[in-house]
Amino acid sequence: KTVSFLTYLLRSFFEQIRPHQELIAGSVVHLLKTCPDSVSIRKELLVGVRHIMATEFRSGFFSYVPVLLEEEVLVGTGRA
């Protein structure tokens, strides 16, 4: 839910949050890496990432593309 709230803030207060885009992108990637194998939690995170990618904040994720393309990070370990 926090990532969804963050995307709302990104749209409204982009200029104020812009200096923190690398930190936010790193935090979201860390959440994906440490997310438990719950389909609903991972789905909610991925929806939040999709909304963030629709903003100018997508440039903060460029350095994380190799990590995001790892199967374990993107879809989890598949135990759920």
N, C-alpha and C. Protein backbone atom coordinates (compact mmCIF):
# COMPACT_ATOMS: atom_id res chain seq x y z
N LYS A 1 0.82 -1.19 0.00
CA LYS A 1 0.00 0.00 0.00
C LYS A 1 0.87 1.26 0.00
N THR A 2 2.02 1.18 0.61
CA THR A 2 2.90 2.34 0.68
C THR A 2 3.43 2.72 -0.70
N VAL A 3 3.72 1.74 -1.54
CA VAL A 3 4.20 2.03 -2.89
C VAL A 3 3.09 2.71 -3.69
N SER A 4 1.86 2.30 -3.50
CA SER A 4 0.74 2.95 -4.18
C SER A 4 0.60 4.40 -3.74
N PHE A 5 0.76 4.63 -2.45
CA PHE A 5 0.70 6.00 -1.93
C PHE A 5 1.86 6.82 -2.48
N LEU A 6 3.02 6.21 -2.59
CA LEU A 6 4.19 6.89 -3.13
C LEU A 6 3.96 7.32 -4.57
N THR A 7 3.33 6.48 -5.37
CA THR A 7 3.06 6.85 -6.76
C THR A 7 2.10 8.04 -6.82
N TYR A 8 1.16 8.11 -5.90
CA TYR A 8 0.27 9.26 -5.83
C TYR A 8 1.08 10.52 -5.53
N LEU A 9 2.00 10.43 -4.58
CA LEU A 9 2.84 11.58 -4.24
C LEU A 9 3.75 11.99 -5.40
N LEU A 10 4.23 11.01 -6.14
CA LEU A 10 5.12 11.31 -7.27
C LEU A 10 4.42 12.17 -8.30
N ARG A 11 3.17 11.90 -8.53
CA ARG A 11 2.43 12.67 -9.53
C ARG A 11 2.17 14.10 -9.05
N SER A 12 1.96 14.27 -7.76
CA SER A 12 1.60 15.59 -7.23
C SER A 12 2.81 16.44 -6.84
N PHE A 13 3.86 15.80 -6.33
CA PHE A 13 5.01 16.54 -5.80
C PHE A 13 6.31 16.10 -6.44
N PHE A 14 6.30 16.00 -7.77
CA PHE A 14 7.45 15.45 -8.50
C PHE A 14 8.73 16.24 -8.23
N GLU A 15 8.67 17.53 -8.31
CA GLU A 15 9.88 18.35 -8.15
C GLU A 15 10.48 18.22 -6.74
N GLN A 16 9.67 18.09 -5.74
CA GLN A 16 10.16 17.97 -4.38
C GLN A 16 10.79 16.60 -4.11
N ILE A 17 10.32 15.58 -4.81
CA ILE A 17 10.79 14.22 -4.57
C ILE A 17 11.91 13.82 -5.54
N ARG A 18 12.09 14.59 -6.61
CA ARG A 18 13.07 14.26 -7.64
C ARG A 18 14.47 13.97 -7.09
N PRO A 19 15.00 14.71 -6.10
CA PRO A 19 16.35 14.41 -5.60
C PRO A 19 16.48 13.01 -4.99
N HIS A 20 15.37 12.39 -4.67
CA HIS A 20 15.39 11.08 -4.00
C HIS A 20 15.03 9.93 -4.94
N GLN A 21 15.02 10.17 -6.25
CA GLN A 21 14.55 9.12 -7.17
C GLN A 21 15.44 7.89 -7.17
N GLU A 22 16.75 8.04 -7.03
CA GLU A 22 17.63 6.87 -6.98
C GLU A 22 17.36 6.04 -5.72
N LEU A 23 17.17 6.72 -4.60
CA LEU A 23 16.89 6.04 -3.34
C LEU A 23 15.55 5.31 -3.40
N ILE A 24 14.56 5.96 -3.98
CA ILE A 24 13.24 5.33 -4.09
C ILE A 24 13.30 4.12 -5.01
N ALA A 25 13.98 4.24 -6.14
CA ALA A 25 14.10 3.11 -7.06
C ALA A 25 14.83 1.95 -6.39
N GLY A 26 15.91 2.24 -5.68
CA GLY A 26 16.64 1.19 -4.97
C GLY A 26 15.80 0.52 -3.90
N SER A 27 14.99 1.30 -3.22
CA SER A 27 14.12 0.74 -2.19
C SER A 27 13.05 -0.17 -2.77
N VAL A 28 12.48 0.23 -3.90
CA VAL A 28 11.46 -0.59 -4.54
C VAL A 28 12.07 -1.90 -5.04
N VAL A 29 13.26 -1.83 -5.61
CA VAL A 29 13.94 -3.05 -6.07
C VAL A 29 14.25 -3.95 -4.87
N HIS A 30 14.67 -3.34 -3.77
CA HIS A 30 14.94 -4.14 -2.56
C HIS A 30 13.67 -4.83 -2.07
N LEU A 31 12.54 -4.12 -2.13
CA LEU A 31 11.26 -4.73 -1.74
C LEU A 31 10.94 -5.93 -2.62
N LEU A 32 11.19 -5.80 -3.92
CA LEU A 32 10.94 -6.93 -4.83
C LEU A 32 11.86 -8.11 -4.52
N LYS A 33 13.10 -7.82 -4.14
CA LYS A 33 14.05 -8.89 -3.85
C LYS A 33 13.71 -9.62 -2.55
N THR A 34 13.17 -8.90 -1.59
CA THR A 34 12.91 -9.48 -0.27
C THR A 34 11.43 -9.81 -0.06
N CYS A 35 10.62 -9.63 -1.07
CA CYS A 35 9.19 -9.89 -0.96
C CYS A 35 8.94 -11.37 -0.70
N PRO A 36 8.07 -11.69 0.25
CA PRO A 36 7.74 -13.11 0.46
C PRO A 36 7.00 -13.64 -0.76
N ASP A 37 6.94 -14.94 -0.87
CA ASP A 37 6.31 -15.58 -2.03
C ASP A 37 4.79 -15.58 -1.91
N SER A 38 4.26 -14.42 -1.73
CA SER A 38 2.81 -14.25 -1.70
C SER A 38 2.41 -13.56 -3.00
N VAL A 39 1.56 -14.20 -3.76
CA VAL A 39 1.18 -13.69 -5.06
C VAL A 39 0.53 -12.31 -4.94
N SER A 40 -0.32 -12.12 -3.97
CA SER A 40 -1.03 -10.84 -3.86
C SER A 40 -0.07 -9.71 -3.50
N ILE A 41 0.90 -9.96 -2.63
CA ILE A 41 1.86 -8.92 -2.26
C ILE A 41 2.74 -8.57 -3.46
N ARG A 42 3.25 -9.58 -4.15
CA ARG A 42 4.11 -9.32 -5.31
C ARG A 42 3.32 -8.61 -6.41
N LYS A 43 2.06 -8.99 -6.61
CA LYS A 43 1.23 -8.33 -7.62
C LYS A 43 1.05 -6.86 -7.28
N GLU A 44 0.77 -6.55 -6.02
CA GLU A 44 0.59 -5.17 -5.61
C GLU A 44 1.88 -4.36 -5.81
N LEU A 45 3.02 -4.96 -5.51
CA LEU A 45 4.30 -4.29 -5.73
C LEU A 45 4.53 -4.03 -7.22
N LEU A 46 4.27 -5.02 -8.04
CA LEU A 46 4.48 -4.85 -9.47
C LEU A 46 3.54 -3.81 -10.08
N VAL A 47 2.32 -3.72 -9.57
CA VAL A 47 1.40 -2.69 -10.03
C VAL A 47 1.95 -1.32 -9.65
N GLY A 48 2.49 -1.20 -8.44
CA GLY A 48 3.12 0.05 -8.03
C GLY A 48 4.30 0.41 -8.89
N VAL A 49 5.12 -0.57 -9.23
CA VAL A 49 6.28 -0.34 -10.10
C VAL A 49 5.80 0.13 -11.48
N ARG A 50 4.74 -0.48 -11.97
CA ARG A 50 4.19 -0.07 -13.27
C ARG A 50 3.76 1.40 -13.25
N HIS A 51 3.13 1.82 -12.16
CA HIS A 51 2.70 3.21 -12.05
C HIS A 51 3.89 4.15 -11.93
N ILE A 52 4.92 3.73 -11.21
CA ILE A 52 6.13 4.56 -11.10
C ILE A 52 6.79 4.68 -12.46
N MET A 53 6.83 3.59 -13.22
CA MET A 53 7.45 3.61 -14.54
C MET A 53 6.69 4.52 -15.51
N ALA A 54 5.44 4.83 -15.21
CA ALA A 54 4.66 5.73 -16.07
C ALA A 54 4.99 7.19 -15.80
N THR A 55 5.83 7.48 -14.80
CA THR A 55 6.23 8.84 -14.49
C THR A 55 7.67 9.07 -14.94
N GLU A 56 8.16 10.26 -14.73
CA GLU A 56 9.55 10.57 -15.06
C GLU A 56 10.54 9.88 -14.12
N PHE A 57 10.03 9.25 -13.08
CA PHE A 57 10.90 8.54 -12.14
C PHE A 57 11.48 7.26 -12.71
N ARG A 58 11.04 6.87 -13.88
CA ARG A 58 11.56 5.64 -14.49
C ARG A 58 13.06 5.71 -14.71
N SER A 59 13.61 6.92 -14.86
CA SER A 59 15.05 7.03 -15.07
C SER A 59 15.84 6.56 -13.85
N GLY A 60 15.25 6.58 -12.69
CA GLY A 60 15.91 6.08 -11.49
C GLY A 60 16.09 4.57 -11.50
N PHE A 61 15.32 3.88 -12.32
CA PHE A 61 15.39 2.42 -12.40
C PHE A 61 16.38 1.92 -13.45
N PHE A 62 16.94 2.83 -14.26
CA PHE A 62 17.84 2.40 -15.34
C PHE A 62 19.02 1.59 -14.83
N SER A 63 19.58 1.98 -13.71
CA SER A 63 20.74 1.24 -13.20
C SER A 63 20.34 -0.11 -12.61
N TYR A 64 19.05 -0.34 -12.40
CA TYR A 64 18.57 -1.58 -11.81
C TYR A 64 17.98 -2.55 -12.84
N VAL A 65 18.07 -2.23 -14.11
CA VAL A 65 17.49 -3.09 -15.15
C VAL A 65 18.03 -4.51 -15.08
N PRO A 66 19.36 -4.73 -14.94
CA PRO A 66 19.83 -6.12 -14.86
C PRO A 66 19.23 -6.88 -13.67
N VAL A 67 19.06 -6.20 -12.55
CA VAL A 67 18.48 -6.84 -11.37
C VAL A 67 17.00 -7.14 -11.61
N LEU A 68 16.29 -6.20 -12.22
CA LEU A 68 14.86 -6.40 -12.47
C LEU A 68 14.59 -7.51 -13.47
N LEU A 69 15.55 -7.81 -14.32
CA LEU A 69 15.36 -8.87 -15.30
C LEU A 69 15.67 -10.25 -14.76
N GLU A 70 16.17 -10.33 -13.54
CA GLU A 70 16.40 -11.63 -12.91
C GLU A 70 15.04 -12.26 -12.59
N GLU A 71 14.89 -13.51 -12.94
CA GLU A 71 13.61 -14.19 -12.76
C GLU A 71 13.17 -14.21 -11.30
N GLU A 72 14.11 -14.45 -10.37
CA GLU A 72 13.76 -14.53 -8.96
C GLU A 72 13.23 -13.19 -8.44
N VAL A 73 13.74 -12.09 -8.98
CA VAL A 73 13.31 -10.77 -8.54
C VAL A 73 11.96 -10.43 -9.16
N LEU A 74 11.81 -10.70 -10.43
CA LEU A 74 10.61 -10.31 -11.13
C LEU A 74 9.39 -11.14 -10.76
N VAL A 75 9.53 -12.46 -10.73
CA VAL A 75 8.36 -13.32 -10.46
C VAL A 75 8.49 -14.12 -9.17
N GLY A 76 9.60 -14.03 -8.48
CA GLY A 76 9.77 -14.78 -7.23
C GLY A 76 10.30 -16.17 -7.49
N THR A 77 10.32 -16.97 -6.45
CA THR A 77 10.87 -18.32 -6.56
C THR A 77 9.83 -19.33 -7.02
N GLY A 78 8.57 -18.94 -7.06
CA GLY A 78 7.53 -19.82 -7.57
C GLY A 78 7.01 -20.84 -6.57
N ARG A 79 7.30 -20.64 -5.30
CA ARG A 79 6.81 -21.58 -4.29
C ARG A 79 5.39 -21.30 -3.88
N ALA A 80 4.86 -20.14 -4.28
CA ALA A 80 3.51 -19.78 -3.86
C ALA A 80 2.47 -20.41 -4.75
